[in-house]
Every structure is written in structure tokens, then in C-alpha cells.
Amino acid sequence: MTDEKKDQTHPQWFGDRQIMDTLLREEPTDYNLCELARLYIRYDGFPGARDIQADLQKLMQQWQLTEDALFARTRTIHQTSQIYKGRTSQKEDWS
């Protein structure tokens, strides 16, 4: 018996994979930055979903962002607008 822990499958992985694939093809709009931050928070320290975690880092580099810069920008976005309001095709999901 080994002490190694196996990677877990996140229950939101399938939908998040689709979002991540879209973000990788798009520009850093306010909405896309907020989605990046939301997924970054969700998968930070999660023991699995290595593909999404790698793509999050790739996108941070592609958009030339640090964690601090991403969170500072998205805080400002959330303070000045309701970025998710009116998007019926996607519910706000922070789990």
C-alpha cells in the first residue's frame, strides 16, 4: 500500500473544461478575466484537474498577468459592474 494520493476529478470539470477551451481562444475581456479568476480560485490547490491547472497558468502568461494583478483587476470589475447579471446561459457558480 502506498501513501501517494490519487488525483481527484472535480465535479465541475466538464463545464470548466469547455470554459477554459473558450478562454484560450479569446481575448482578456472583463468577462473573460472574471471567468479566469473564478476558475483560478476554484482549482487553486485542488488535487487533480491538472489539465485545467496547466491551462490556467498558460493563460495567465499569455495575458501577461500575475495572480495579484488578476485579482486586482477583477475586484475593480466587480465593484463597477455586475459582470454576470443577464447571462442566462450560464449561472454564477462559485462552488
Protein backbone atom coordinates (compact mmCIF):
# COMPACT_ATOMS: atom_id res chain seq x y z
CA MET A 1 0.00 0.00 0.00
CA THR A 2 1.37 3.44 -0.94
CA ASP A 3 0.81 6.79 0.68
CA GLU A 4 0.51 8.54 -2.68
CA LYS A 5 -2.81 10.27 -3.12
CA LYS A 6 -4.59 9.90 -6.41
CA ASP A 7 -5.77 12.93 -8.32
CA GLN A 8 -9.43 13.70 -7.86
CA THR A 9 -11.95 14.57 -10.54
CA HIS A 10 -13.59 17.91 -9.83
CA PRO A 11 -17.40 17.72 -10.11
CA GLN A 12 -17.40 20.88 -12.28
CA TRP A 13 -14.57 19.69 -14.55
CA PHE A 14 -16.59 19.09 -17.73
CA GLY A 15 -18.18 22.55 -17.84
CA ASP A 16 -14.97 24.19 -16.69
CA ARG A 17 -13.01 22.43 -19.43
CA GLN A 18 -15.36 23.97 -22.01
CA ILE A 19 -14.95 27.43 -20.46
CA MET A 20 -11.18 27.01 -20.37
CA ASP A 21 -11.10 25.99 -24.05
CA THR A 22 -13.07 29.12 -24.92
CA LEU A 23 -10.83 31.38 -22.83
CA LEU A 24 -7.74 30.02 -24.56
CA ARG A 25 -9.13 31.22 -27.91
CA GLU A 26 -10.32 34.64 -26.76
CA GLU A 27 -9.02 37.99 -25.59
CA PRO A 28 -8.93 39.21 -21.96
CA THR A 29 -12.29 41.00 -21.80
CA ASP A 30 -13.78 41.92 -18.43
CA TYR A 31 -15.98 38.83 -18.52
CA ASN A 32 -13.11 36.55 -19.53
CA LEU A 33 -10.89 37.96 -16.76
CA CYS A 34 -13.62 37.26 -14.22
CA GLU A 35 -14.03 33.72 -15.52
CA LEU A 36 -10.26 33.20 -15.34
CA ALA A 37 -10.20 34.44 -11.73
CA ARG A 38 -13.19 32.26 -10.79
CA LEU A 39 -11.56 29.14 -12.21
CA TYR A 40 -8.19 30.10 -10.74
CA ILE A 41 -9.76 30.24 -7.27
CA ARG A 42 -11.67 27.00 -7.80
CA TYR A 43 -8.65 24.96 -8.86
CA ASP A 44 -6.01 26.56 -6.64
CA GLY A 45 -4.69 23.70 -4.54
CA PHE A 46 -7.18 21.20 -5.93
CA PRO A 47 -5.64 17.70 -6.05
CA GLY A 48 -6.48 16.97 -9.66
CA ALA A 49 -7.67 18.60 -12.89
CA ARG A 50 -4.03 19.06 -13.88
CA ASP A 51 -5.05 19.93 -17.43
CA ILE A 52 -7.13 22.89 -16.30
CA GLN A 53 -4.48 23.98 -13.81
CA ALA A 54 -1.84 23.95 -16.56
CA ASP A 55 -4.09 25.89 -18.91
CA LEU A 56 -4.81 28.46 -16.19
CA GLN A 57 -1.08 29.09 -15.86
CA LYS A 58 -0.70 29.18 -19.64
CA LEU A 59 -3.46 31.77 -19.92
CA MET A 60 -2.00 33.88 -17.11
CA GLN A 61 1.27 34.01 -19.06
CA GLN A 62 -0.48 34.59 -22.39
CA TRP A 63 -2.43 37.53 -20.94
CA GLN A 64 0.68 38.69 -19.02
CA LEU A 65 -0.98 38.53 -15.59
CA THR A 66 0.20 37.72 -12.12
CA GLU A 67 -2.22 36.40 -9.52
CA ASP A 68 -2.17 39.78 -7.75
CA ALA A 69 -2.81 41.68 -10.98
CA LEU A 70 -5.66 39.36 -11.97
CA PHE A 71 -7.38 39.71 -8.63
CA ALA A 72 -6.87 43.49 -8.52
CA ARG A 73 -8.42 43.87 -11.99
CA THR A 74 -11.36 41.60 -11.26
CA ARG A 75 -12.05 43.31 -7.92
CA THR A 76 -12.36 46.57 -9.82
CA ILE A 77 -14.59 44.96 -12.44
CA HIS A 78 -16.91 43.51 -9.78
CA GLN A 79 -17.05 46.84 -7.92
CA THR A 80 -18.09 48.78 -11.00
CA SER A 81 -20.37 46.35 -12.83
CA GLN A 82 -22.44 43.22 -12.44
CA ILE A 83 -20.46 41.19 -14.90
CA TYR A 84 -22.60 38.04 -14.59
CA LYS A 85 -26.01 39.75 -14.49
CA GLY A 86 -28.16 38.96 -17.50
CA ARG A 87 -26.16 35.95 -18.64
CA THR A 88 -28.95 33.40 -18.69
CA SER A 89 -26.92 30.73 -20.43
CA GLN A 90 -24.53 30.45 -17.51
CA LYS A 91 -25.39 30.66 -13.86
CA GLU A 92 -22.93 32.18 -11.44
CA ASP A 93 -21.17 29.17 -9.93
CA TRP A 94 -18.53 29.62 -7.25
CA SER A 95 -18.54 26.08 -5.90
